Amino acid sequence: MAACLVATPVSVSARQSTDHSGSSTIEMAELPPQARTTYALIKEGGPFAHDKDGAVFGNYERQLPRARRGYYREYTVKTPGARNRGARRIVCGGPVRTPDACYYTNDHYASFREIKE
């Protein structure tokens, strides 16, 4: 008989360092300085450098835990030398100034690491 997987809600804090989506964790001190600056701005509510900062992130790649539309928001992490927004982002889920969890990607959504304070 084939195994059956049932999706159940799991709090982000209950997840282990690596979960089924392949995401892992990263300590705040391990983030590049530009990501730490962006994270601080998220907690302060801005101001942000790009119009798309704070826009809804659709999680189309399904790299993050499933959530309702509008749960995730994305923010640009400045990439030194980039002429555009670059590939680095922080994506946070939950309330804007007090998110449930934030994730860092340096490869434009191909992989994420949950930020641990």
C-alpha atoms as a PDB file:
ATOM      1  CA  MET A   1       0.000   0.000   0.000  1.00  0.00           C
ATOM      2  CA  ALA A   2       1.346   3.454  -0.905  1.00  0.00           C
ATOM      3  CA  ALA A   3       2.122   5.946   1.818  1.00  0.00           C
ATOM      4  CA  CYS A   4      -0.245   8.872   2.089  1.00  0.00           C
ATOM      5  CA  LEU A   5       1.001  12.308   3.117  1.00  0.00           C
ATOM      6  CA  VAL A   6      -1.423  14.605   4.856  1.00  0.00           C
ATOM      7  CA  ALA A   7      -0.721  18.334   5.008  1.00  0.00           C
ATOM      8  CA  THR A   8      -1.234  19.713   8.483  1.00  0.00           C
ATOM      9  CA  PRO A   9      -0.550  23.231   9.685  1.00  0.00           C
ATOM     10  CA  VAL A  10       2.782  23.463  11.486  1.00  0.00           C
ATOM     11  CA  SER A  11       4.044  26.588  13.156  1.00  0.00           C
ATOM     12  CA  VAL A  12       7.230  27.917  11.655  1.00  0.00           C
ATOM     13  CA  SER A  13       8.952  27.743  15.036  1.00  0.00           C
ATOM     14  CA  ALA A  14       8.190  24.014  15.252  1.00  0.00           C
ATOM     15  CA  ARG A  15      10.082  23.249  12.040  1.00  0.00           C
ATOM     16  CA  GLN A  16      13.471  21.620  12.213  1.00  0.00           C
ATOM     17  CA  SER A  17      16.578  23.185  10.703  1.00  0.00           C
ATOM     18  CA  THR A  18      15.794  21.490   7.380  1.00  0.00           C
ATOM     19  CA  ASP A  19      12.236  20.644   6.375  1.00  0.00           C
ATOM     20  CA  HIS A  20      10.509  18.984   3.446  1.00  0.00           C
ATOM     21  CA  SER A  21      10.786  22.133   1.289  1.00  0.00           C
ATOM     22  CA  GLY A  22      14.587  22.011   1.459  1.00  0.00           C
ATOM     23  CA  SER A  23      14.890  25.266   3.356  1.00  0.00           C
ATOM     24  CA  SER A  24      17.426  25.525   6.128  1.00  0.00           C
ATOM     25  CA  THR A  25      18.292  28.196   8.657  1.00  0.00           C
ATOM     26  CA  ILE A  26      20.759  31.056   8.713  1.00  0.00           C
ATOM     27  CA  GLU A  27      21.800  33.040  11.752  1.00  0.00           C
ATOM     28  CA  MET A  28      21.477  36.826  11.595  1.00  0.00           C
ATOM     29  CA  ALA A  29      25.264  37.192  11.941  1.00  0.00           C
ATOM     30  CA  GLU A  30      25.763  34.987   8.867  1.00  0.00           C
ATOM     31  CA  LEU A  31      23.703  37.254   6.611  1.00  0.00           C
ATOM     32  CA  PRO A  32      25.503  39.730   4.376  1.00  0.00           C
ATOM     33  CA  PRO A  33      25.447  43.277   5.795  1.00  0.00           C
ATOM     34  CA  GLN A  34      22.934  44.395   3.161  1.00  0.00           C
ATOM     35  CA  ALA A  35      20.520  41.665   4.284  1.00  0.00           C
ATOM     36  CA  ARG A  36      20.875  42.706   7.928  1.00  0.00           C
ATOM     37  CA  THR A  37      20.054  46.294   6.877  1.00  0.00           C
ATOM     38  CA  THR A  38      16.987  45.143   4.930  1.00  0.00           C
ATOM     39  CA  TYR A  39      15.836  42.999   7.855  1.00  0.00           C
ATOM     40  CA  ALA A  40      16.111  45.998  10.211  1.00  0.00           C
ATOM     41  CA  LEU A  41      14.061  48.087   7.759  1.00  0.00           C
ATOM     42  CA  ILE A  42      11.397  45.391   7.645  1.00  0.00           C
ATOM     43  CA  LYS A  43      11.083  45.517  11.433  1.00  0.00           C
ATOM     44  CA  GLU A  44      10.898  49.348  11.297  1.00  0.00           C
ATOM     45  CA  GLY A  45       8.355  49.405   8.479  1.00  0.00           C
ATOM     46  CA  GLY A  46      10.724  51.026   5.955  1.00  0.00           C
ATOM     47  CA  PRO A  47      11.490  53.181   4.128  1.00  0.00           C
ATOM     48  CA  PHE A  48      12.432  50.869   1.284  1.00  0.00           C
ATOM     49  CA  ALA A  49      14.449  51.668  -1.837  1.00  0.00           C
ATOM     50  CA  HIS A  50      12.256  49.814  -4.333  1.00  0.00           C
ATOM     51  CA  ASP A  51       8.564  50.143  -5.161  1.00  0.00           C
ATOM     52  CA  LYS A  52       8.201  46.355  -5.148  1.00  0.00           C
ATOM     53  CA  ASP A  53       9.479  46.055  -1.577  1.00  0.00           C
ATOM     54  CA  GLY A  54       6.613  44.836   0.580  1.00  0.00           C
ATOM     55  CA  ALA A  55       4.752  43.395  -2.426  1.00  0.00           C
ATOM     56  CA  VAL A  56       2.974  40.081  -2.072  1.00  0.00           C
ATOM     57  CA  PHE A  57       5.219  37.103  -2.784  1.00  0.00           C
ATOM     58  CA  GLY A  58       3.261  34.312  -4.460  1.00  0.00           C
ATOM     59  CA  ASN A  59       5.518  31.386  -3.455  1.00  0.00           C
ATOM     60  CA  TYR A  60       4.977  29.946  -6.950  1.00  0.00           C
ATOM     61  CA  GLU A  61       8.203  27.986  -6.656  1.00  0.00           C
ATOM     62  CA  ARG A  62       6.754  26.340  -3.524  1.00  0.00           C
ATOM     63  CA  GLN A  63      10.063  26.620  -1.698  1.00  0.00           C
ATOM     64  CA  LEU A  64       8.380  28.032   1.426  1.00  0.00           C
ATOM     65  CA  PRO A  65       5.660  26.441   3.550  1.00  0.00           C
ATOM     66  CA  ARG A  66       2.224  26.734   1.963  1.00  0.00           C
ATOM     67  CA  ALA A  67       0.179  29.677   3.136  1.00  0.00           C
ATOM     68  CA  ARG A  68      -2.791  31.745   2.025  1.00  0.00           C
ATOM     69  CA  ARG A  69      -2.316  34.323  -0.746  1.00  0.00           C
ATOM     70  CA  GLY A  70      -0.943  37.551   0.713  1.00  0.00           C
ATOM     71  CA  TYR A  71       0.791  35.874   3.657  1.00  0.00           C
ATOM     72  CA  TYR A  72       4.296  36.357   2.236  1.00  0.00           C
ATOM     73  CA  ARG A  73       5.877  39.706   1.281  1.00  0.00           C
ATOM     74  CA  GLU A  74       9.221  40.224  -0.418  1.00  0.00           C
ATOM     75  CA  TYR A  75      11.967  42.792   0.095  1.00  0.00           C
ATOM     76  CA  THR A  76      15.043  43.556  -1.975  1.00  0.00           C
ATOM     77  CA  VAL A  77      18.482  42.974  -0.505  1.00  0.00           C
ATOM     78  CA  LYS A  78      20.948  45.276  -2.222  1.00  0.00           C
ATOM     79  CA  THR A  79      23.515  43.460  -4.311  1.00  0.00           C
ATOM     80  CA  PRO A  80      26.780  45.392  -4.638  1.00  0.00           C
ATOM     81  CA  GLY A  81      27.533  46.119  -8.286  1.00  0.00           C
ATOM     82  CA  ALA A  82      24.079  45.091  -9.553  1.00  0.00           C
ATOM     83  CA  ARG A  83      22.406  47.518 -11.942  1.00  0.00           C
ATOM     84  CA  ASN A  84      18.971  46.137 -11.117  1.00  0.00           C
ATOM     85  CA  ARG A  85      17.374  44.662  -7.997  1.00  0.00           C
ATOM     86  CA  GLY A  86      19.692  41.672  -8.166  1.00  0.00           C
ATOM     87  CA  ALA A  87      18.852  38.148  -7.027  1.00  0.00           C
ATOM     88  CA  ARG A  88      18.887  38.600  -3.245  1.00  0.00           C
ATOM     89  CA  ARG A  89      15.636  38.941  -1.295  1.00  0.00           C
ATOM     90  CA  ILE A  90      14.131  38.532   2.121  1.00  0.00           C
ATOM     91  CA  VAL A  91      10.630  37.086   2.151  1.00  0.00           C
ATOM     92  CA  CYS A  92       8.591  37.370   5.346  1.00  0.00           C
ATOM     93  CA  GLY A  93       5.334  35.708   6.301  1.00  0.00           C
ATOM     94  CA  GLY A  94       2.700  37.102   8.621  1.00  0.00           C
ATOM     95  CA  PRO A  95       2.188  40.613   9.978  1.00  0.00           C
ATOM     96  CA  VAL A  96       4.336  43.245   8.258  1.00  0.00           C
ATOM     97  CA  ARG A  97       6.318  44.604  11.233  1.00  0.00           C
ATOM     98  CA  THR A  98       6.193  41.469  13.342  1.00  0.00           C
ATOM     99  CA  PRO A  99       6.470  38.596  10.857  1.00  0.00           C
ATOM    100  CA  ASP A 100       6.063  34.994  11.901  1.00  0.00           C
ATOM    101  CA  ALA A 101       9.189  34.059   9.932  1.00  0.00           C
ATOM    102  CA  CYS A 102      11.568  35.575   7.389  1.00  0.00           C
ATOM    103  CA  TYR A 103      13.606  33.782   4.770  1.00  0.00           C
ATOM    104  CA  TYR A 104      16.719  34.815   2.844  1.00  0.00           C
ATOM    105  CA  THR A 105      17.454  33.883  -0.771  1.00  0.00           C
ATOM    106  CA  ASN A 106      20.541  34.819  -2.714  1.00  0.00           C
ATOM    107  CA  ASP A 107      19.511  32.969  -5.877  1.00  0.00           C
ATOM    108  CA  HIS A 108      16.209  34.634  -6.799  1.00  0.00           C
ATOM    109  CA  TYR A 109      13.858  32.167  -5.083  1.00  0.00           C
ATOM    110  CA  ALA A 110      15.607  28.919  -6.078  1.00  0.00           C
ATOM    111  CA  SER A 111      16.371  28.260  -2.392  1.00  0.00           C
ATOM    112  CA  PHE A 112      15.613  29.866   0.965  1.00  0.00           C
ATOM    113  CA  ARG A 113      17.093  29.821   4.444  1.00  0.00           C
ATOM    114  CA  GLU A 114      14.987  30.779   7.442  1.00  0.00           C
ATOM    115  CA  ILE A 115      16.523  33.706   9.341  1.00  0.00           C
ATOM    116  CA  LYS A 116      17.160  33.037  13.017  1.00  0.00           C
ATOM    117  CA  GLU A 117      17.737  35.985  15.335  1.00  0.00           C
END
